[in-house]
Amino acid sequence: MTAAVEVEAPKVIDGLSAEAYHADRTSISSSGLRALLAPGCPAQFKYDRDNPTPPKREFDLGNALHAAVLGEGHDVVEITGFSDYKKADARVLRDAAYAAGKVPLLPKEKKQVDEMVAAIRRHKDAGPLFAPGMGVAERSIYWPDPATGVRCRVRPDWLIIRPEITVIVDLKSTTDASPDACSKAIESYSYHQQGALYIDGVQAAGLAPEGARFFFVFQSKKAPYLVTVRELGDQDQDIGRARNDRALRIYAECERTGDWPDWTGPTDTIPQIGMPTWATIRQAEEYLG
């Protein structure tokens, strides 16, 4: 398979298109590493990588927000004259935008994105972080994992480099931006793996001589579009790095052998299954005494 770009590790590439970045099959990204571990598995990862899905409408708002805040990303096309996609003419315009690699937005969605951007700009923490000229958007970074030799890649949303500090800022739109919900999202989607890999990549590329820090900017998609800015905790960063290490070993072995197992893997017996551990303990206490 051919890489999207020829790289020598480590390497920083400005201006690489998102399509070329995501099409690279000779390196692995954070989303790939997360997909290799439970509840995912290597077999599902490989199928999804080899059979990319068409654009999902649920990502349109987030993609448009990224482009507006970062000044980099997908072009946005407003589908004027329609309030939904029930009419065939609206669907034709929407599908044409997708085919051109653009993000279609209905007028009400465009208004929502504009209001979300305004909320970020006036936020006491997010506003200064995303100030124009403060950072660089969508730099592609490639480097080899020292332990496995696997080529890794990251593409930080926003990278702020100063003599005294390097900050990676990741923007996420969500249905609930409360701190508790953000914590649950980090666990559910393994965002701590993402944070650890981005830090490692930025440091491997020599962009953080004093070390890098990773900030989340979570924004609610519900008015008034509240924003929560948090730095990834040290212990969670260590756990994320350990998860990445395991996923890299799995990936390296699968590439070496050509075997991409499902959740069970090689076994001579049929494994047992039961309830989640917490439920087993609770019901054992209640019913088994």
C-alpha atoms as a PDB file:
ATOM      1  CA  MET A   1       0.000   0.000   0.000  1.00  0.00           C
ATOM      2  CA  THR A   2       1.145   3.517  -0.729  1.00  0.00           C
ATOM      3  CA  ALA A   3       1.433   6.159   1.969  1.00  0.00           C
ATOM      4  CA  ALA A   4      -0.407   9.429   1.535  1.00  0.00           C
ATOM      5  CA  VAL A   5       2.925  11.189   1.880  1.00  0.00           C
ATOM      6  CA  GLU A   6       6.541  10.062   1.996  1.00  0.00           C
ATOM      7  CA  VAL A   7       7.925  10.810   5.438  1.00  0.00           C
ATOM      8  CA  GLU A   8      11.148  10.448   7.350  1.00  0.00           C
ATOM      9  CA  ALA A   9      10.607  10.287  11.057  1.00  0.00           C
ATOM     10  CA  PRO A  10      10.000  12.555  12.688  1.00  0.00           C
ATOM     11  CA  LYS A  11       8.470  15.017  10.272  1.00  0.00           C
ATOM     12  CA  VAL A  12       6.121  17.984  10.502  1.00  0.00           C
ATOM     13  CA  ILE A  13       4.039  18.777   7.425  1.00  0.00           C
ATOM     14  CA  ASP A  14       2.050  21.971   6.963  1.00  0.00           C
ATOM     15  CA  GLY A  15      -0.636  22.148   4.313  1.00  0.00           C
ATOM     16  CA  LEU A  16      -1.269  18.414   3.968  1.00  0.00           C
ATOM     17  CA  SER A  17      -4.941  17.909   3.155  1.00  0.00           C
ATOM     18  CA  ALA A  18      -7.160  16.107   5.614  1.00  0.00           C
ATOM     19  CA  GLU A  19      -8.012  13.596   2.886  1.00  0.00           C
ATOM     20  CA  ALA A  20      -4.342  12.728   2.318  1.00  0.00           C
ATOM     21  CA  TYR A  21      -3.701  12.533   6.047  1.00  0.00           C
ATOM     22  CA  HIS A  22      -6.573  10.144   6.731  1.00  0.00           C
ATOM     23  CA  ALA A  23      -5.824   8.042   3.635  1.00  0.00           C
ATOM     24  CA  ASP A  24      -2.349   7.090   4.868  1.00  0.00           C
ATOM     25  CA  ARG A  25      -2.168   3.320   5.392  1.00  0.00           C
ATOM     26  CA  THR A  26       1.489   3.153   6.468  1.00  0.00           C
ATOM     27  CA  SER A  27       0.960   4.914   9.785  1.00  0.00           C
ATOM     28  CA  ILE A  28      -1.594   4.797  12.562  1.00  0.00           C
ATOM     29  CA  SER A  29      -3.462   7.610  14.271  1.00  0.00           C
ATOM     30  CA  SER A  30      -5.008   8.038  17.690  1.00  0.00           C
ATOM     31  CA  SER A  31      -8.433   6.950  16.462  1.00  0.00           C
ATOM     32  CA  GLY A  32      -6.876   3.777  15.055  1.00  0.00           C
ATOM     33  CA  LEU A  33      -5.102   2.923  18.287  1.00  0.00           C
ATOM     34  CA  ARG A  34      -8.302   3.451  20.236  1.00  0.00           C
ATOM     35  CA  ALA A  35     -10.243   1.243  17.828  1.00  0.00           C
ATOM     36  CA  LEU A  36      -7.837  -1.669  18.372  1.00  0.00           C
ATOM     37  CA  LEU A  37      -8.662  -1.913  22.081  1.00  0.00           C
ATOM     38  CA  ALA A  38     -11.942  -3.011  23.692  1.00  0.00           C
ATOM     39  CA  PRO A  39     -14.739  -2.426  22.998  1.00  0.00           C
ATOM     40  CA  GLY A  40     -13.157  -2.497  19.517  1.00  0.00           C
ATOM     41  CA  CYS A  41     -10.898  -5.200  18.114  1.00  0.00           C
ATOM     42  CA  PRO A  42      -8.305  -5.599  15.342  1.00  0.00           C
ATOM     43  CA  ALA A  43     -10.728  -7.278  12.933  1.00  0.00           C
ATOM     44  CA  GLN A  44     -13.197  -4.410  13.130  1.00  0.00           C
ATOM     45  CA  PHE A  45     -10.412  -1.827  12.889  1.00  0.00           C
ATOM     46  CA  LYS A  46      -9.047  -3.373   9.699  1.00  0.00           C
ATOM     47  CA  TYR A  47     -12.459  -3.645   8.071  1.00  0.00           C
ATOM     48  CA  ASP A  48     -13.319  -0.035   8.893  1.00  0.00           C
ATOM     49  CA  ARG A  49      -9.926   1.154   7.638  1.00  0.00           C
ATOM     50  CA  ASP A  50     -10.302  -0.739   4.362  1.00  0.00           C
ATOM     51  CA  ASN A  51     -13.952   0.261   3.913  1.00  0.00           C
ATOM     52  CA  PRO A  52     -14.289   3.937   4.866  1.00  0.00           C
ATOM     53  CA  THR A  53     -17.837   5.121   5.444  1.00  0.00           C
ATOM     54  CA  PRO A  54     -19.434   8.076   3.626  1.00  0.00           C
ATOM     55  CA  PRO A  55     -19.780  11.400   5.455  1.00  0.00           C
ATOM     56  CA  LYS A  56     -22.048  11.285   8.486  1.00  0.00           C
ATOM     57  CA  ARG A  57     -24.420  14.171   8.978  1.00  0.00           C
ATOM     58  CA  GLU A  58     -23.849  14.033  12.733  1.00  0.00           C
ATOM     59  CA  PHE A  59     -20.300  15.316  12.153  1.00  0.00           C
ATOM     60  CA  ASP A  60     -21.284  18.284   9.978  1.00  0.00           C
ATOM     61  CA  LEU A  61     -21.745  20.706  12.848  1.00  0.00           C
ATOM     62  CA  GLY A  62     -18.424  19.796  14.461  1.00  0.00           C
ATOM     63  CA  ASN A  63     -16.556  20.015  11.161  1.00  0.00           C
ATOM     64  CA  ALA A  64     -18.058  23.433  10.433  1.00  0.00           C
ATOM     65  CA  LEU A  65     -17.212  24.634  13.935  1.00  0.00           C
ATOM     66  CA  HIS A  66     -13.597  23.528  13.546  1.00  0.00           C
ATOM     67  CA  ALA A  67     -13.273  25.320  10.219  1.00  0.00           C
ATOM     68  CA  ALA A  68     -14.740  28.533  11.604  1.00  0.00           C
ATOM     69  CA  VAL A  69     -12.688  28.585  14.826  1.00  0.00           C
ATOM     70  CA  LEU A  70      -9.396  27.302  13.418  1.00  0.00           C
ATOM     71  CA  GLY A  71      -9.539  28.916   9.999  1.00  0.00           C
ATOM     72  CA  GLU A  72      -8.619  25.536   8.514  1.00  0.00           C
ATOM     73  CA  GLY A  73     -10.641  22.528   7.453  1.00  0.00           C
ATOM     74  CA  HIS A  74     -13.653  21.736   5.310  1.00  0.00           C
ATOM     75  CA  ASP A  75     -15.316  24.417   3.223  1.00  0.00           C
ATOM     76  CA  VAL A  76     -18.890  25.073   4.319  1.00  0.00           C
ATOM     77  CA  VAL A  77     -21.822  25.363   1.914  1.00  0.00           C
ATOM     78  CA  GLU A  78     -25.059  26.894   3.171  1.00  0.00           C
ATOM     79  CA  ILE A  79     -28.112  25.152   1.684  1.00  0.00           C
ATOM     80  CA  THR A  80     -30.367  28.204   1.472  1.00  0.00           C
ATOM     81  CA  GLY A  81     -34.097  28.141   0.935  1.00  0.00           C
ATOM     82  CA  PHE A  82     -34.688  24.963   2.915  1.00  0.00           C
ATOM     83  CA  SER A  83     -35.372  24.208   6.571  1.00  0.00           C
ATOM     84  CA  ASP A  84     -34.650  20.474   6.266  1.00  0.00           C
ATOM     85  CA  TYR A  85     -33.718  17.806   3.714  1.00  0.00           C
ATOM     86  CA  LYS A  86     -37.193  16.422   3.109  1.00  0.00           C
ATOM     87  CA  LYS A  87     -37.336  17.869  -0.413  1.00  0.00           C
ATOM     88  CA  ALA A  88     -35.379  16.223  -3.202  1.00  0.00           C
ATOM     89  CA  ASP A  89     -33.845  19.525  -4.314  1.00  0.00           C
ATOM     90  CA  ALA A  90     -32.355  20.038  -0.844  1.00  0.00           C
ATOM     91  CA  ARG A  91     -30.919  16.531  -0.837  1.00  0.00           C
ATOM     92  CA  VAL A  92     -29.354  17.063  -4.250  1.00  0.00           C
ATOM     93  CA  LEU A  93     -27.557  20.183  -3.004  1.00  0.00           C
ATOM     94  CA  ARG A  94     -26.494  18.388   0.180  1.00  0.00           C
ATOM     95  CA  ASP A  95     -25.121  15.367  -1.675  1.00  0.00           C
ATOM     96  CA  ALA A  96     -23.299  17.597  -4.156  1.00  0.00           C
ATOM     97  CA  ALA A  97     -21.579  19.329  -1.247  1.00  0.00           C
ATOM     98  CA  TYR A  98     -20.521  15.980   0.213  1.00  0.00           C
ATOM     99  CA  ALA A  99     -19.232  14.832  -3.179  1.00  0.00           C
ATOM    100  CA  ALA A 100     -17.098  17.972  -3.389  1.00  0.00           C
ATOM    101  CA  GLY A 101     -15.641  17.332   0.064  1.00  0.00           C
ATOM    102  CA  LYS A 102     -17.571  20.210   1.615  1.00  0.00           C
ATOM    103  CA  VAL A 103     -19.842  20.483   4.653  1.00  0.00           C
ATOM    104  CA  PRO A 104     -23.494  21.322   3.919  1.00  0.00           C
ATOM    105  CA  LEU A 105     -25.359  23.366   6.511  1.00  0.00           C
ATOM    106  CA  LEU A 106     -28.969  24.451   6.616  1.00  0.00           C
ATOM    107  CA  PRO A 107     -29.498  28.154   7.487  1.00  0.00           C
ATOM    108  CA  LYS A 108     -30.484  27.304  11.072  1.00  0.00           C
ATOM    109  CA  GLU A 109     -27.313  25.199  11.416  1.00  0.00           C
ATOM    110  CA  LYS A 110     -25.135  27.963   9.983  1.00  0.00           C
ATOM    111  CA  LYS A 111     -26.651  30.365  12.534  1.00  0.00           C
ATOM    112  CA  GLN A 112     -25.933  27.848  15.296  1.00  0.00           C
ATOM    113  CA  VAL A 113     -22.278  27.517  14.247  1.00  0.00           C
ATOM    114  CA  ASP A 114     -21.890  31.299  14.126  1.00  0.00           C
ATOM    115  CA  GLU A 115     -23.288  31.593  17.661  1.00  0.00           C
ATOM    116  CA  MET A 116     -21.017  28.790  18.906  1.00  0.00           C
ATOM    117  CA  VAL A 117     -17.973  30.524  17.438  1.00  0.00           C
ATOM    118  CA  ALA A 118     -19.002  33.793  19.099  1.00  0.00           C
ATOM    119  CA  ALA A 119     -19.342  31.984  22.446  1.00  0.00           C
ATOM    120  CA  ILE A 120     -15.822  30.585  22.101  1.00  0.00           C
ATOM    121  CA  ARG A 121     -14.354  33.962  21.133  1.00  0.00           C
ATOM    122  CA  ARG A 122     -15.767  35.652  24.237  1.00  0.00           C
ATOM    123  CA  HIS A 123     -14.881  32.827  26.653  1.00  0.00           C
ATOM    124  CA  LYS A 124     -12.199  33.880  29.133  1.00  0.00           C
ATOM    125  CA  ASP A 125      -9.998  30.815  28.463  1.00  0.00           C
ATOM    126  CA  ALA A 126     -10.995  29.496  25.044  1.00  0.00           C
ATOM    127  CA  GLY A 127     -11.021  32.920  23.413  1.00  0.00           C
ATOM    128  CA  PRO A 128      -7.335  33.726  24.046  1.00  0.00           C
ATOM    129  CA  LEU A 129      -6.272  30.151  23.206  1.00  0.00           C
ATOM    130  CA  PHE A 130      -7.918  30.330  19.775  1.00  0.00           C
ATOM    131  CA  ALA A 131      -7.015  33.938  19.048  1.00  0.00           C
ATOM    132  CA  PRO A 132      -5.945  34.320  15.383  1.00  0.00           C
ATOM    133  CA  GLY A 133      -2.176  34.100  15.131  1.00  0.00           C
ATOM    134  CA  MET A 134      -1.826  32.454  18.534  1.00  0.00           C
ATOM    135  CA  GLY A 135      -1.387  28.970  17.073  1.00  0.00           C
ATOM    136  CA  VAL A 136      -1.221  26.854  13.934  1.00  0.00           C
ATOM    137  CA  ALA A 137      -4.107  24.633  12.825  1.00  0.00           C
ATOM    138  CA  GLU A 138      -3.996  21.075  11.504  1.00  0.00           C
ATOM    139  CA  ARG A 139      -0.250  20.390  11.319  1.00  0.00           C
ATOM    140  CA  SER A 140       0.455  16.775  10.398  1.00  0.00           C
ATOM    141  CA  ILE A 141       3.173  15.113  12.481  1.00  0.00           C
ATOM    142  CA  TYR A 142       4.750  11.702  11.761  1.00  0.00           C
ATOM    143  CA  TRP A 143       7.248   9.780  13.875  1.00  0.00           C
ATOM    144  CA  PRO A 144       8.196   6.146  14.657  1.00  0.00           C
ATOM    145  CA  ASP A 145       7.240   4.551  17.941  1.00  0.00           C
ATOM    146  CA  PRO A 146      10.584   3.720  19.606  1.00  0.00           C
ATOM    147  CA  ALA A 147       9.414   0.365  20.983  1.00  0.00           C
ATOM    148  CA  THR A 148       7.706  -1.145  17.929  1.00  0.00           C
ATOM    149  CA  GLY A 149       8.951   0.905  14.981  1.00  0.00           C
ATOM    150  CA  VAL A 150       5.329   1.568  13.983  1.00  0.00           C
ATOM    151  CA  ARG A 151       4.932   4.921  12.257  1.00  0.00           C
ATOM    152  CA  CYS A 152       2.491   7.091  14.179  1.00  0.00           C
ATOM    153  CA  ARG A 153       0.713  10.242  13.102  1.00  0.00           C
ATOM    154  CA  VAL A 154      -1.203  13.053  14.802  1.00  0.00           C
ATOM    155  CA  ARG A 155      -2.914  16.179  13.533  1.00  0.00           C
ATOM    156  CA  PRO A 156      -3.556  18.598  16.422  1.00  0.00           C
ATOM    157  CA  ASP A 157      -6.480  20.952  16.004  1.00  0.00           C
ATOM    158  CA  TRP A 158      -4.446  23.883  17.292  1.00  0.00           C
ATOM    159  CA  LEU A 159      -0.787  24.025  18.250  1.00  0.00           C
ATOM    160  CA  ILE A 160       0.615  26.934  20.246  1.00  0.00           C
ATOM    161  CA  ILE A 161       4.408  27.062  20.355  1.00  0.00           C
ATOM    162  CA  ARG A 162       6.179  29.530  22.602  1.00  0.00           C
ATOM    163  CA  PRO A 163       9.771  29.484  23.890  1.00  0.00           C
ATOM    164  CA  GLU A 164       8.555  28.615  27.373  1.00  0.00           C
ATOM    165  CA  ILE A 165       5.632  26.309  26.559  1.00  0.00           C
ATOM    166  CA  THR A 166       3.946  24.255  23.850  1.00  0.00           C
ATOM    167  CA  VAL A 167       0.183  23.763  24.122  1.00  0.00           C
ATOM    168  CA  ILE A 168      -1.985  21.372  22.128  1.00  0.00           C
ATOM    169  CA  VAL A 169      -5.640  22.446  22.048  1.00  0.00           C
ATOM    170  CA  ASP A 170      -8.377  20.029  21.010  1.00  0.00           C
ATOM    171  CA  LEU A 171     -11.858  21.367  20.240  1.00  0.00           C
ATOM    172  CA  LYS A 172     -14.826  19.053  20.776  1.00  0.00           C
ATOM    173  CA  SER A 173     -18.511  19.844  20.313  1.00  0.00           C
ATOM    174  CA  THR A 174     -20.789  17.807  22.554  1.00  0.00           C
ATOM    175  CA  THR A 175     -24.345  17.490  23.781  1.00  0.00           C
ATOM    176  CA  ASP A 176     -23.233  18.202  27.355  1.00  0.00           C
ATOM    177  CA  ALA A 177     -20.163  20.276  28.227  1.00  0.00           C
ATOM    178  CA  SER A 178     -20.491  20.020  32.000  1.00  0.00           C
ATOM    179  CA  PRO A 179     -17.250  18.882  33.679  1.00  0.00           C
ATOM    180  CA  ASP A 180     -18.840  15.612  34.809  1.00  0.00           C
ATOM    181  CA  ALA A 181     -20.021  14.835  31.293  1.00  0.00           C
ATOM    182  CA  CYS A 182     -16.598  15.747  29.889  1.00  0.00           C
ATOM    183  CA  SER A 183     -14.931  13.331  32.307  1.00  0.00           C
ATOM    184  CA  LYS A 184     -17.285  10.562  31.202  1.00  0.00           C
ATOM    185  CA  ALA A 185     -16.556  11.358  27.553  1.00  0.00           C
ATOM    186  CA  ILE A 186     -12.812  11.046  28.185  1.00  0.00           C
ATOM    187  CA  GLU A 187     -13.389   7.546  29.539  1.00  0.00           C
ATOM    188  CA  SER A 188     -16.011   6.528  26.956  1.00  0.00           C
ATOM    189  CA  TYR A 189     -14.021   7.646  23.909  1.00  0.00           C
ATOM    190  CA  SER A 190     -10.527   7.160  25.383  1.00  0.00           C
ATOM    191  CA  TYR A 191      -9.622  10.793  24.819  1.00  0.00           C
ATOM    192  CA  HIS A 192      -6.775  10.325  27.300  1.00  0.00           C
ATOM    193  CA  GLN A 193      -5.145   8.099  24.668  1.00  0.00           C
ATOM    194  CA  GLN A 194      -5.499  10.901  22.157  1.00  0.00           C
ATOM    195  CA  GLY A 195      -3.970  13.429  24.532  1.00  0.00           C
ATOM    196  CA  ALA A 196      -0.998  11.213  25.369  1.00  0.00           C
ATOM    197  CA  LEU A 197      -0.275  10.387  21.710  1.00  0.00           C
ATOM    198  CA  TYR A 198      -0.480  14.040  20.668  1.00  0.00           C
ATOM    199  CA  ILE A 199       1.938  15.049  23.403  1.00  0.00           C
ATOM    200  CA  ASP A 200       4.332  12.277  22.417  1.00  0.00           C
ATOM    201  CA  GLY A 201       4.155  13.205  18.748  1.00  0.00           C
ATOM    202  CA  VAL A 202       4.706  16.912  19.299  1.00  0.00           C
ATOM    203  CA  GLN A 203       7.651  16.189  21.577  1.00  0.00           C
ATOM    204  CA  ALA A 204       9.133  13.595  19.214  1.00  0.00           C
ATOM    205  CA  ALA A 205       9.021  16.174  16.418  1.00  0.00           C
ATOM    206  CA  GLY A 206      11.077  18.597  18.503  1.00  0.00           C
ATOM    207  CA  LEU A 207       8.268  21.122  18.822  1.00  0.00           C
ATOM    208  CA  ALA A 208       8.224  21.142  22.627  1.00  0.00           C
ATOM    209  CA  PRO A 209      11.725  21.465  24.103  1.00  0.00           C
ATOM    210  CA  GLU A 210      10.198  22.330  27.482  1.00  0.00           C
ATOM    211  CA  GLY A 211       7.462  19.693  27.234  1.00  0.00           C
ATOM    212  CA  ALA A 212       3.920  19.865  25.838  1.00  0.00           C
ATOM    213  CA  ARG A 213       0.552  20.281  27.538  1.00  0.00           C
ATOM    214  CA  PHE A 214      -2.828  19.114  26.237  1.00  0.00           C
ATOM    215  CA  PHE A 215      -5.987  21.192  26.713  1.00  0.00           C
ATOM    216  CA  PHE A 216      -9.544  20.101  25.909  1.00  0.00           C
ATOM    217  CA  VAL A 217     -12.084  22.703  24.837  1.00  0.00           C
ATOM    218  CA  PHE A 218     -15.528  21.117  25.140  1.00  0.00           C
ATOM    219  CA  GLN A 219     -18.468  23.124  23.830  1.00  0.00           C
ATOM    220  CA  SER A 220     -22.146  22.352  24.201  1.00  0.00           C
ATOM    221  CA  LYS A 221     -24.224  22.282  21.016  1.00  0.00           C
ATOM    222  CA  LYS A 222     -27.151  23.609  23.046  1.00  0.00           C
ATOM    223  CA  ALA A 223     -27.661  27.349  23.556  1.00  0.00           C
ATOM    224  CA  PRO A 224     -26.059  29.334  25.155  1.00  0.00           C
ATOM    225  CA  TYR A 225     -23.228  27.045  23.896  1.00  0.00           C
ATOM    226  CA  LEU A 226     -21.325  26.844  27.161  1.00  0.00           C
ATOM    227  CA  VAL A 227     -17.619  26.014  27.104  1.00  0.00           C
ATOM    228  CA  THR A 228     -15.452  23.952  29.458  1.00  0.00           C
ATOM    229  CA  VAL A 229     -11.658  24.188  29.162  1.00  0.00           C
ATOM    230  CA  ARG A 230      -9.593  21.577  31.007  1.00  0.00           C
ATOM    231  CA  GLU A 231      -6.053  20.208  30.915  1.00  0.00           C
ATOM    232  CA  LEU A 232      -5.598  16.445  30.687  1.00  0.00           C
ATOM    233  CA  GLY A 233      -4.561  15.145  34.102  1.00  0.00           C
ATOM    234  CA  ASP A 234      -1.126  13.600  34.620  1.00  0.00           C
ATOM    235  CA  GLN A 235      -2.382  10.182  35.762  1.00  0.00           C
ATOM    236  CA  ASP A 236      -4.901   9.915  32.939  1.00  0.00           C
ATOM    237  CA  GLN A 237      -2.131  10.890  30.540  1.00  0.00           C
ATOM    238  CA  ASP A 238       0.006   8.032  31.882  1.00  0.00           C
ATOM    239  CA  ILE A 239      -2.900   5.592  31.501  1.00  0.00           C
ATOM    240  CA  GLY A 240      -3.547   6.818  27.975  1.00  0.00           C
ATOM    241  CA  ARG A 241       0.112   6.308  27.094  1.00  0.00           C
ATOM    242  CA  ALA A 242       0.021   2.764  28.509  1.00  0.00           C
ATOM    243  CA  ARG A 243      -3.086   2.014  26.441  1.00  0.00           C
ATOM    244  CA  ASN A 244      -1.332   3.371  23.354  1.00  0.00           C
ATOM    245  CA  ASP A 245       1.677   1.150  24.061  1.00  0.00           C
ATOM    246  CA  ARG A 246      -0.526  -1.931  24.181  1.00  0.00           C
ATOM    247  CA  ALA A 247      -2.410  -0.925  21.023  1.00  0.00           C
ATOM    248  CA  LEU A 248       0.866  -0.314  19.183  1.00  0.00           C
ATOM    249  CA  ARG A 249       2.094  -3.792  20.095  1.00  0.00           C
ATOM    250  CA  ILE A 250      -1.176  -5.280  18.856  1.00  0.00           C
ATOM    251  CA  TYR A 251      -0.971  -3.310  15.621  1.00  0.00           C
ATOM    252  CA  ALA A 252       2.653  -4.269  15.016  1.00  0.00           C
ATOM    253  CA  GLU A 253       1.850  -7.959  15.544  1.00  0.00           C
ATOM    254  CA  CYS A 254      -1.179  -7.822  13.248  1.00  0.00           C
ATOM    255  CA  GLU A 255       0.848  -6.150  10.514  1.00  0.00           C
ATOM    256  CA  ARG A 256       3.637  -8.712  10.945  1.00  0.00           C
ATOM    257  CA  THR A 257       1.414 -11.782  10.821  1.00  0.00           C
ATOM    258  CA  GLY A 258      -1.449 -10.557   8.657  1.00  0.00           C
ATOM    259  CA  ASP A 259      -3.831 -11.904  11.313  1.00  0.00           C
ATOM    260  CA  TRP A 260      -6.428  -9.427  12.615  1.00  0.00           C
ATOM    261  CA  PRO A 261      -8.351 -11.247  15.380  1.00  0.00           C
ATOM    262  CA  ASP A 262     -11.763 -10.438  16.759  1.00  0.00           C
ATOM    263  CA  TRP A 263     -12.517  -9.977  20.472  1.00  0.00           C
ATOM    264  CA  THR A 264     -11.912 -13.641  21.364  1.00  0.00           C
ATOM    265  CA  GLY A 265      -8.557 -14.277  19.731  1.00  0.00           C
ATOM    266  CA  PRO A 266      -6.988 -17.742  19.652  1.00  0.00           C
ATOM    267  CA  THR A 267      -8.493 -20.164  22.167  1.00  0.00           C
ATOM    268  CA  ASP A 268      -9.149 -23.905  22.443  1.00  0.00           C
ATOM    269  CA  THR A 269     -12.269 -23.509  24.569  1.00  0.00           C
ATOM    270  CA  ILE A 270     -15.390 -21.397  24.525  1.00  0.00           C
ATOM    271  CA  PRO A 271     -14.900 -18.627  27.087  1.00  0.00           C
ATOM    272  CA  GLN A 272     -17.451 -17.943  29.772  1.00  0.00           C
ATOM    273  CA  ILE A 273     -19.414 -14.700  29.899  1.00  0.00           C
ATOM    274  CA  GLY A 274     -21.541 -13.080  32.545  1.00  0.00           C
ATOM    275  CA  MET A 275     -22.761  -9.752  33.726  1.00  0.00           C
ATOM    276  CA  PRO A 276     -20.418  -6.780  34.181  1.00  0.00           C
ATOM    277  CA  THR A 277     -18.266  -7.243  37.290  1.00  0.00           C
ATOM    278  CA  TRP A 278     -20.058  -4.561  39.286  1.00  0.00           C
ATOM    279  CA  ALA A 279     -23.440  -6.211  38.604  1.00  0.00           C
ATOM    280  CA  THR A 280     -22.137  -9.677  39.496  1.00  0.00           C
ATOM    281  CA  ILE A 281     -20.796  -8.400  42.832  1.00  0.00           C
ATOM    282  CA  ARG A 282     -24.010  -6.565  43.664  1.00  0.00           C
ATOM    283  CA  GLN A 283     -26.289  -9.472  42.787  1.00  0.00           C
ATOM    284  CA  ALA A 284     -24.033 -12.025  44.477  1.00  0.00           C
ATOM    285  CA  GLU A 285     -24.265 -10.008  47.678  1.00  0.00           C
ATOM    286  CA  GLU A 286     -28.046  -9.741  47.346  1.00  0.00           C
ATOM    287  CA  TYR A 287     -28.909 -13.277  46.296  1.00  0.00           C
ATOM    288  CA  LEU A 288     -26.033 -15.540  47.332  1.00  0.00           C
ATOM    289  CA  GLY A 289     -25.524 -14.052  50.764  1.00  0.00           C
END
